Amino acid sequence: MKGEIKLGILGGGQLGRMLMQAGLDFNLYTLVLDPDENAPCKDICHEFFVGSFRDFDTVYEFGKNCDILTIEIEHVNADALAKLEEEGVKVHPDAKTVRTIQDKGLQKEFFLKHNIPTSDFRLLQNATELEANTDFLPAFQKLRREGYDGRGVVKLAGKADLEKGFQEPSVLEKLVDYEKEISVIVARNPAGEVTAFPVVELSFHPEHNLVDSLFAPANVPYKLQRLAIEIASRVIEAFDMVGILAVEMFLTKDGQILVNEVAPRPHNSGHHTIKANFTSQYEQHLRAILNLPLGATDIQSAAVMLNLLGEPGYDGEAAYEGLQEALAVPGVYIHLYGKKYTRPARKMGHITVLGQNIEEAQQRAESVKSVIKVKA
């Protein structure tokens, strides 16, 4: 590895911030592109550029200055990534993978093509086609593009819900009778080495449809954990992808594992690895894209991760309550994202709670869950 590598990151949010924190140990020179002049990465990267990562020219000009280009959000200009690849810039994940994952319809078709188990689905072009597919309800309707963190997703229980449906091209996914939602984060380097982090169990916020908390290790039978890891490894190999890939799955009540969605970047379901595992997801992503040996993913400590969201009814400059009380609890670690302004349900940070076993971690998490508040 040469002395100084210029790493470009498309997106300057909290994922990029934590990636750069890991990157300090690798002597990386970091450049970041983000449309928000106050993005969390602004003050800790070497060069910060304000601009749209969706714009071809902006991404292309930014990427020409980098040895390696990576992403912390998948909604970037894939055509620019492809041109940069042609001109010798190492782009991880590559343009082909990003294009597929950006479109939830292409994503589902990719799973089918590669025999990756997933829920039944139909592709819709407009509201008229939705009305013609009411026999498929109950289902979730997802916009094919641009949706994340619960946006662009609606549950349609029956015909009475059609007015909530989307007009734009979408995926109609059959409602899965699942027992748990789980996630496996896998990594792959250019040498073809693949590693997987242990399975985690996800709990979702009832209103905002985003991860509220996670538990590691997951309370799932060993045989099913091995199956989940095998499926996640098959997915990253099918993409022929370099970097880190989060694979979100359903564990059904009859013992099946179905892939829900994937994200080709560090992910909310891997935040706990910073404290709980031998190697964090962020270091692992860097090891992968730098073509270094991948790190050990074993759990050092059971963990609960709590997302720290902006409180309802507060909009403005963030003020944090309860940090003193929370940090007085053994095994509690707080990660704030450097966001100056809060709004309801905005991700402002996360809390990792460690314990000798998952029961102890859960007890400690319960004691701090209601203590910390993000207000304005």
Protein backbone atom coordinates (compact mmCIF):
# COMPACT_ATOMS: atom_id res chain seq x y z
CA MET A 1 0.00 0.00 0.00
CA LYS A 2 1.53 3.32 -1.04
CA GLY A 3 2.21 6.00 1.55
CA GLU A 4 -0.78 8.24 0.98
CA ILE A 5 -3.96 7.13 -0.74
CA LYS A 6 -6.60 9.66 -1.75
CA LEU A 7 -9.97 8.20 -0.75
CA GLY A 8 -13.04 9.96 -2.11
CA ILE A 9 -16.38 9.48 -0.36
CA LEU A 10 -19.67 10.37 -2.03
CA GLY A 11 -21.84 11.55 0.85
CA GLY A 12 -20.80 13.38 3.98
CA GLY A 13 -23.23 12.03 6.57
CA GLN A 14 -22.66 9.99 9.70
CA LEU A 15 -21.60 6.86 7.80
CA GLY A 16 -18.85 8.81 6.06
CA ARG A 17 -17.86 10.36 9.37
CA MET A 18 -17.41 6.98 11.05
CA LEU A 19 -15.62 5.64 7.97
CA MET A 20 -13.13 8.49 8.20
CA GLN A 21 -12.62 7.88 11.91
CA ALA A 22 -11.51 4.35 11.01
CA GLY A 23 -9.49 5.73 8.11
CA LEU A 24 -7.20 7.73 10.40
CA ASP A 25 -5.42 4.48 11.25
CA PHE A 26 -4.64 3.89 7.57
CA ASN A 27 -3.11 7.33 6.85
CA LEU A 28 -5.78 7.99 4.24
CA TYR A 29 -6.18 11.40 2.63
CA THR A 30 -9.95 11.88 2.52
CA LEU A 31 -12.06 13.94 0.13
CA VAL A 32 -15.82 14.24 0.62
CA LEU A 33 -18.64 15.44 -1.65
CA ASP A 34 -22.00 16.37 -0.15
CA PRO A 35 -24.76 18.88 -0.99
CA ASP A 36 -25.00 20.05 2.64
CA GLU A 37 -22.39 22.65 3.53
CA ASN A 38 -22.77 21.62 7.20
CA ALA A 39 -22.52 17.86 6.62
CA PRO A 40 -21.10 15.81 9.55
CA CYS A 41 -17.91 15.06 7.56
CA LYS A 42 -17.12 18.69 6.81
CA ASP A 43 -14.65 19.41 9.59
CA ILE A 44 -12.82 16.10 9.77
CA CYS A 45 -11.91 15.34 6.13
CA HIS A 46 -8.91 16.79 4.33
CA GLU A 47 -10.96 18.32 1.50
CA PHE A 48 -14.70 19.00 1.51
CA PHE A 49 -16.68 19.84 -1.64
CA VAL A 50 -20.25 21.13 -1.66
CA GLY A 51 -22.13 19.68 -4.58
CA SER A 52 -24.60 17.07 -5.72
CA PHE A 53 -23.47 13.44 -5.77
CA ARG A 54 -26.36 12.84 -8.19
CA ASP A 55 -24.90 15.13 -10.88
CA PHE A 56 -22.71 13.50 -13.53
CA ASP A 57 -20.21 16.33 -14.01
CA THR A 58 -19.87 17.01 -10.28
CA VAL A 59 -19.18 13.37 -9.42
CA TYR A 60 -16.85 12.90 -12.40
CA GLU A 61 -14.74 15.98 -11.60
CA PHE A 62 -14.61 15.01 -7.92
CA GLY A 63 -13.65 11.41 -8.66
CA LYS A 64 -10.78 12.32 -11.01
CA ASN A 65 -8.85 13.55 -7.95
CA CYS A 66 -9.17 10.23 -6.09
CA ASP A 67 -7.25 6.97 -6.12
CA ILE A 68 -10.23 5.09 -4.71
CA LEU A 69 -13.86 6.23 -4.74
CA THR A 70 -16.51 4.83 -2.40
CA ILE A 71 -20.00 5.78 -1.21
CA GLU A 72 -21.91 6.23 2.01
CA ILE A 73 -25.25 6.53 0.22
CA GLU A 74 -26.33 4.61 -2.89
CA HIS A 75 -28.26 7.46 -4.54
CA VAL A 76 -25.26 8.66 -6.56
CA ASN A 77 -24.63 9.13 -10.27
CA ALA A 78 -23.72 5.65 -11.51
CA ASP A 79 -22.88 6.87 -15.04
CA ALA A 80 -20.09 9.02 -13.60
CA LEU A 81 -18.84 6.04 -11.59
CA ALA A 82 -18.69 3.96 -14.79
CA LYS A 83 -16.66 6.61 -16.64
CA LEU A 84 -14.23 6.95 -13.73
CA GLU A 85 -13.78 3.16 -13.70
CA GLU A 86 -12.95 3.25 -17.41
CA GLU A 87 -10.30 5.89 -16.70
CA GLY A 88 -8.57 3.87 -14.01
CA VAL A 89 -10.08 5.11 -10.75
CA LYS A 90 -10.84 2.23 -8.38
CA VAL A 91 -14.58 2.48 -7.64
CA HIS A 92 -15.97 0.31 -4.82
CA PRO A 93 -18.80 -0.62 -5.01
CA ASP A 94 -18.66 -0.52 -8.81
CA ALA A 95 -21.15 1.24 -11.06
CA LYS A 96 -22.91 -1.97 -12.10
CA THR A 97 -23.66 -2.95 -8.50
CA VAL A 98 -24.80 0.57 -7.58
CA ARG A 99 -27.15 0.72 -10.59
CA THR A 100 -28.83 -2.53 -9.60
CA ILE A 101 -29.21 -1.69 -5.94
CA GLN A 102 -30.50 1.84 -6.62
CA ASP A 103 -33.57 0.32 -8.24
CA LYS A 104 -35.56 -1.96 -5.94
CA GLY A 105 -37.16 -3.60 -8.96
CA LEU A 106 -33.78 -4.50 -10.48
CA GLN A 107 -32.67 -5.64 -7.04
CA LYS A 108 -35.56 -8.09 -6.74
CA GLU A 109 -35.00 -9.37 -10.28
CA PHE A 110 -31.31 -9.85 -9.45
CA PHE A 111 -32.26 -12.03 -6.47
CA LEU A 112 -34.48 -14.17 -8.68
CA LYS A 113 -31.81 -14.55 -11.37
CA HIS A 114 -29.23 -15.70 -8.83
CA ASN A 115 -31.55 -17.96 -6.82
CA ILE A 116 -31.41 -15.74 -3.75
CA PRO A 117 -34.53 -16.43 -1.64
CA THR A 118 -36.79 -13.38 -1.46
CA SER A 119 -40.49 -12.58 -1.05
CA ASP A 120 -42.91 -12.73 -3.99
CA PHE A 121 -43.26 -9.44 -5.85
CA ARG A 122 -44.77 -7.66 -8.81
CA LEU A 123 -43.41 -4.64 -10.67
CA LEU A 124 -45.85 -1.77 -11.22
CA GLN A 125 -45.61 1.27 -13.45
CA ASN A 126 -48.42 3.44 -12.04
CA ALA A 127 -51.54 3.64 -9.88
CA THR A 128 -53.66 1.97 -12.57
CA GLU A 129 -51.50 -1.13 -12.40
CA LEU A 130 -51.76 -1.06 -8.61
CA GLU A 131 -55.56 -1.20 -8.86
CA ALA A 132 -55.23 -4.16 -11.22
CA ASN A 133 -53.16 -6.09 -8.66
CA THR A 134 -55.37 -5.93 -5.57
CA ASP A 135 -55.43 -9.75 -5.58
CA PHE A 136 -51.79 -9.54 -4.37
CA LEU A 137 -52.68 -7.65 -1.19
CA PRO A 138 -51.78 -7.49 1.68
CA ALA A 139 -48.40 -6.22 0.52
CA PHE A 140 -45.82 -3.48 0.90
CA GLN A 141 -45.47 -1.03 -1.96
CA LYS A 142 -41.98 0.42 -2.38
CA LEU A 143 -40.85 3.10 -4.79
CA ARG A 144 -38.28 1.60 -7.14
CA ARG A 145 -35.91 4.52 -6.59
CA GLU A 146 -34.94 7.02 -3.88
CA GLY A 147 -36.56 5.37 -0.86
CA TYR A 148 -34.66 4.83 2.40
CA ASP A 149 -35.17 4.96 6.18
CA GLY A 150 -38.86 4.24 5.80
CA ARG A 151 -39.46 6.80 3.07
CA GLY A 152 -40.98 5.49 -0.13
CA VAL A 153 -42.61 2.51 1.59
CA VAL A 154 -46.31 2.02 2.37
CA LYS A 155 -48.25 -0.94 3.72
CA LEU A 156 -51.39 -1.81 1.76
CA ALA A 157 -53.58 -4.18 3.74
CA GLY A 158 -56.46 -4.18 1.23
CA LYS A 159 -58.42 -2.17 -1.34
CA ALA A 160 -59.28 0.48 1.24
CA ASP A 161 -55.57 1.45 1.38
CA LEU A 162 -55.16 2.06 -2.36
CA GLU A 163 -55.45 5.82 -1.92
CA LYS A 164 -52.17 5.66 0.07
CA GLY A 165 -50.41 3.99 -2.86
CA PHE A 166 -47.70 5.53 -5.04
CA GLN A 167 -48.25 6.77 -8.59
CA GLU A 168 -44.63 6.21 -9.63
CA PRO A 169 -42.93 2.94 -10.71
CA SER A 170 -42.81 0.64 -7.71
CA VAL A 171 -42.41 -2.86 -6.36
CA LEU A 172 -45.36 -4.60 -4.75
CA GLU A 173 -43.95 -7.10 -2.24
CA LYS A 174 -46.12 -9.80 -0.75
CA LEU A 175 -46.53 -9.35 3.00
CA VAL A 176 -44.26 -11.85 4.77
CA ASP A 177 -45.45 -13.52 7.96
CA TYR A 178 -42.09 -13.22 9.67
CA GLU A 179 -40.91 -13.96 13.17
CA LYS A 180 -37.89 -11.62 13.16
CA GLU A 181 -36.00 -9.21 10.97
CA ILE A 182 -32.28 -9.94 10.92
CA SER A 183 -29.22 -8.56 9.19
CA VAL A 184 -25.84 -9.90 8.11
CA ILE A 185 -23.02 -7.63 7.01
CA VAL A 186 -20.55 -9.24 4.63
CA ALA A 187 -17.32 -7.95 3.12
CA ARG A 188 -15.27 -8.98 0.10
CA ASN A 189 -11.90 -7.78 -1.17
CA PRO A 190 -10.51 -7.89 -4.74
CA ALA A 191 -8.69 -11.13 -3.91
CA GLY A 192 -12.12 -12.77 -3.42
CA GLU A 193 -11.84 -13.20 0.35
CA VAL A 194 -15.28 -13.02 2.01
CA THR A 195 -16.07 -12.55 5.70
CA ALA A 196 -19.37 -12.13 7.51
CA PHE A 197 -20.26 -10.47 10.78
CA PRO A 198 -22.47 -12.47 13.16
CA VAL A 199 -26.24 -12.22 12.64
CA VAL A 200 -27.99 -9.35 14.41
CA GLU A 201 -31.66 -8.98 15.27
CA LEU A 202 -33.44 -5.74 14.33
CA SER A 203 -36.26 -3.91 16.04
CA PHE A 204 -38.05 -1.22 14.02
CA HIS A 205 -39.64 2.02 15.17
CA PRO A 206 -43.43 1.54 14.97
CA GLU A 207 -44.06 4.93 13.32
CA HIS A 208 -40.96 5.82 11.32
CA ASN A 209 -40.20 2.38 9.78
CA LEU A 210 -36.49 2.64 10.55
CA VAL A 211 -34.24 0.63 12.86
CA ASP A 212 -34.94 1.57 16.47
CA SER A 213 -32.51 -0.88 18.07
CA LEU A 214 -30.58 -4.06 17.39
CA PHE A 215 -29.37 -7.00 19.42
CA ALA A 216 -26.10 -8.84 18.89
CA PRO A 217 -25.87 -11.74 18.87
CA ALA A 218 -29.33 -12.49 17.49
CA ASN A 219 -31.53 -14.92 19.39
CA VAL A 220 -31.76 -17.27 16.40
CA PRO A 221 -30.94 -21.00 16.23
CA TYR A 222 -27.35 -21.70 15.16
CA LYS A 223 -28.44 -23.59 12.02
CA LEU A 224 -30.45 -20.58 10.82
CA GLN A 225 -27.60 -18.21 11.63
CA ARG A 226 -25.31 -20.29 9.43
CA LEU A 227 -27.93 -20.24 6.66
CA ALA A 228 -28.27 -16.44 6.88
CA ILE A 229 -24.50 -15.99 6.62
CA GLU A 230 -24.36 -18.39 3.68
CA ILE A 231 -27.10 -16.48 1.84
CA ALA A 232 -25.46 -13.09 2.51
CA SER A 233 -22.12 -14.43 1.23
CA ARG A 234 -23.83 -15.70 -1.92
CA VAL A 235 -25.32 -12.24 -2.51
CA ILE A 236 -22.00 -10.35 -2.36
CA GLU A 237 -20.35 -12.97 -4.58
CA ALA A 238 -23.21 -12.76 -7.09
CA PHE A 239 -22.64 -9.01 -7.33
CA ASP A 240 -18.87 -9.65 -7.66
CA MET A 241 -18.69 -6.68 -5.31
CA VAL A 242 -15.74 -5.25 -3.37
CA GLY A 243 -16.49 -3.54 -0.07
CA ILE A 244 -19.11 -4.08 2.55
CA LEU A 245 -22.69 -5.16 1.93
CA ALA A 246 -25.54 -5.13 4.45
CA VAL A 247 -28.11 -7.84 3.77
CA GLU A 248 -31.43 -7.35 5.55
CA MET A 249 -33.57 -10.48 5.82
CA PHE A 250 -36.79 -11.90 7.18
CA LEU A 251 -36.83 -15.03 9.32
CA THR A 252 -40.27 -16.45 8.63
CA LYS A 253 -42.40 -18.33 11.13
CA ASP A 254 -41.85 -21.54 9.19
CA GLY A 255 -38.05 -21.22 9.35
CA GLN A 256 -37.26 -19.71 5.95
CA ILE A 257 -34.82 -16.86 5.43
CA LEU A 258 -35.78 -14.34 2.74
CA VAL A 259 -33.64 -11.42 1.62
CA ASN A 260 -35.50 -8.14 1.95
CA GLU A 261 -33.04 -5.47 0.75
CA VAL A 262 -29.32 -4.87 0.50
CA ALA A 263 -27.13 -1.78 0.94
CA PRO A 264 -23.63 -1.61 -0.62
CA ARG A 265 -22.05 0.47 2.14
CA PRO A 266 -21.69 0.64 5.93
CA HIS A 267 -25.09 0.26 7.50
CA ASN A 268 -27.15 1.11 10.56
CA SER A 269 -27.22 -2.58 11.49
CA GLY A 270 -23.44 -2.58 11.95
CA HIS A 271 -22.85 0.44 14.17
CA HIS A 272 -22.33 -1.73 17.27
CA THR A 273 -19.27 -3.36 15.68
CA ILE A 274 -17.19 -0.28 16.55
CA LYS A 275 -17.24 -1.40 20.21
CA ALA A 276 -18.49 -4.99 20.19
CA ASN A 277 -16.44 -6.79 17.52
CA PHE A 278 -12.74 -7.35 16.85
CA THR A 279 -13.08 -5.39 13.61
CA SER A 280 -15.68 -2.68 12.97
CA GLN A 281 -17.72 -2.62 9.77
CA TYR A 282 -15.95 0.64 8.88
CA GLU A 283 -12.44 -0.78 9.21
CA GLN A 284 -13.61 -3.86 7.31
CA HIS A 285 -14.88 -1.74 4.43
CA LEU A 286 -11.52 0.03 4.24
CA ARG A 287 -9.60 -3.24 4.40
CA ALA A 288 -11.76 -4.55 1.55
CA ILE A 289 -11.41 -1.59 -0.81
CA LEU A 290 -7.67 -1.28 -0.06
CA ASN A 291 -7.27 -5.00 -0.91
CA LEU A 292 -5.94 -5.83 2.55
CA PRO A 293 -6.66 -9.05 4.47
CA LEU A 294 -10.09 -8.83 6.06
CA GLY A 295 -10.27 -8.58 9.84
CA ALA A 296 -11.76 -10.99 12.36
CA THR A 297 -15.48 -10.37 12.80
CA ASP A 298 -16.00 -12.25 16.07
CA ILE A 299 -18.04 -10.67 18.85
CA GLN A 300 -15.99 -9.51 21.84
CA SER A 301 -19.06 -8.51 23.80
CA ALA A 302 -22.82 -8.85 23.55
CA ALA A 303 -24.34 -5.54 22.49
CA VAL A 304 -27.50 -3.55 22.06
CA MET A 305 -27.47 -0.57 19.71
CA LEU A 306 -30.02 2.19 20.15
CA ASN A 307 -30.58 4.85 17.50
CA LEU A 308 -30.68 8.34 18.96
CA LEU A 309 -33.49 10.16 17.14
CA GLY A 310 -34.69 13.73 17.36
CA GLU A 311 -37.62 14.02 19.78
CA PRO A 312 -41.11 14.75 18.44
CA GLY A 313 -42.03 18.43 18.58
CA TYR A 314 -38.46 19.75 18.50
CA ASP A 315 -36.93 21.44 15.48
CA GLY A 316 -33.78 23.56 15.69
CA GLU A 317 -30.27 23.58 17.14
CA ALA A 318 -29.75 20.27 18.92
CA ALA A 319 -29.53 20.02 22.70
CA TYR A 320 -28.72 16.68 24.35
CA GLU A 321 -30.30 15.69 27.65
CA GLY A 322 -29.30 12.81 29.91
CA LEU A 323 -25.71 12.21 28.77
CA GLN A 324 -24.40 12.35 32.33
CA GLU A 325 -26.88 9.78 33.60
CA ALA A 326 -26.42 7.45 30.61
CA LEU A 327 -22.63 7.48 30.71
CA ALA A 328 -22.71 6.59 34.39
CA VAL A 329 -24.05 3.15 33.40
CA PRO A 330 -21.24 0.59 32.79
CA GLY A 331 -20.80 -0.45 29.17
CA VAL A 332 -22.58 2.56 27.65
CA TYR A 333 -20.91 4.38 24.74
CA ILE A 334 -22.36 7.36 22.91
CA HIS A 335 -21.63 8.28 19.29
CA LEU A 336 -22.94 11.68 18.20
CA TYR A 337 -22.96 12.47 14.49
CA GLY A 338 -22.02 16.13 14.47
CA LYS A 339 -25.38 17.31 13.17
CA LYS A 340 -26.05 20.84 14.34
CA TYR A 341 -29.82 20.81 13.86
CA THR A 342 -32.40 18.30 15.02
CA ARG A 343 -35.90 17.55 13.79
CA PRO A 344 -38.38 14.81 14.72
CA ALA A 345 -36.99 11.30 14.00
CA ARG A 346 -33.72 12.60 12.52
CA LYS A 347 -30.80 10.27 13.27
CA MET A 348 -28.58 12.31 15.57
CA GLY A 349 -26.39 9.55 16.97
CA HIS A 350 -26.41 6.07 18.40
CA ILE A 351 -25.73 4.42 21.73
CA THR A 352 -23.91 1.12 22.04
CA VAL A 353 -24.54 -0.82 25.25
CA LEU A 354 -22.25 -3.75 26.05
CA GLY A 355 -22.75 -6.61 28.49
CA GLN A 356 -21.27 -9.99 29.38
CA ASN A 357 -24.36 -11.50 27.76
CA ILE A 358 -27.29 -10.20 25.75
CA GLU A 359 -29.57 -10.16 28.80
CA GLU A 360 -27.22 -7.85 30.70
CA ALA A 361 -26.80 -5.59 27.65
CA GLN A 362 -30.60 -5.39 27.26
CA GLN A 363 -31.09 -4.50 30.92
CA ARG A 364 -28.54 -1.71 30.68
CA ALA A 365 -30.09 -0.49 27.43
CA GLU A 366 -33.53 -0.27 29.05
CA SER A 367 -32.07 1.85 31.85
CA VAL A 368 -30.69 4.46 29.42
CA LYS A 369 -33.29 4.30 26.66
CA SER A 370 -35.63 6.84 28.21
CA VAL A 371 -32.87 8.98 29.74
CA ILE A 372 -31.23 10.49 26.64
CA LYS A 373 -33.30 12.97 24.65
CA VAL A 374 -32.43 15.12 21.66
CA LYS A 375 -34.32 18.39 21.89
CA ALA A 376 -33.83 21.91 20.61
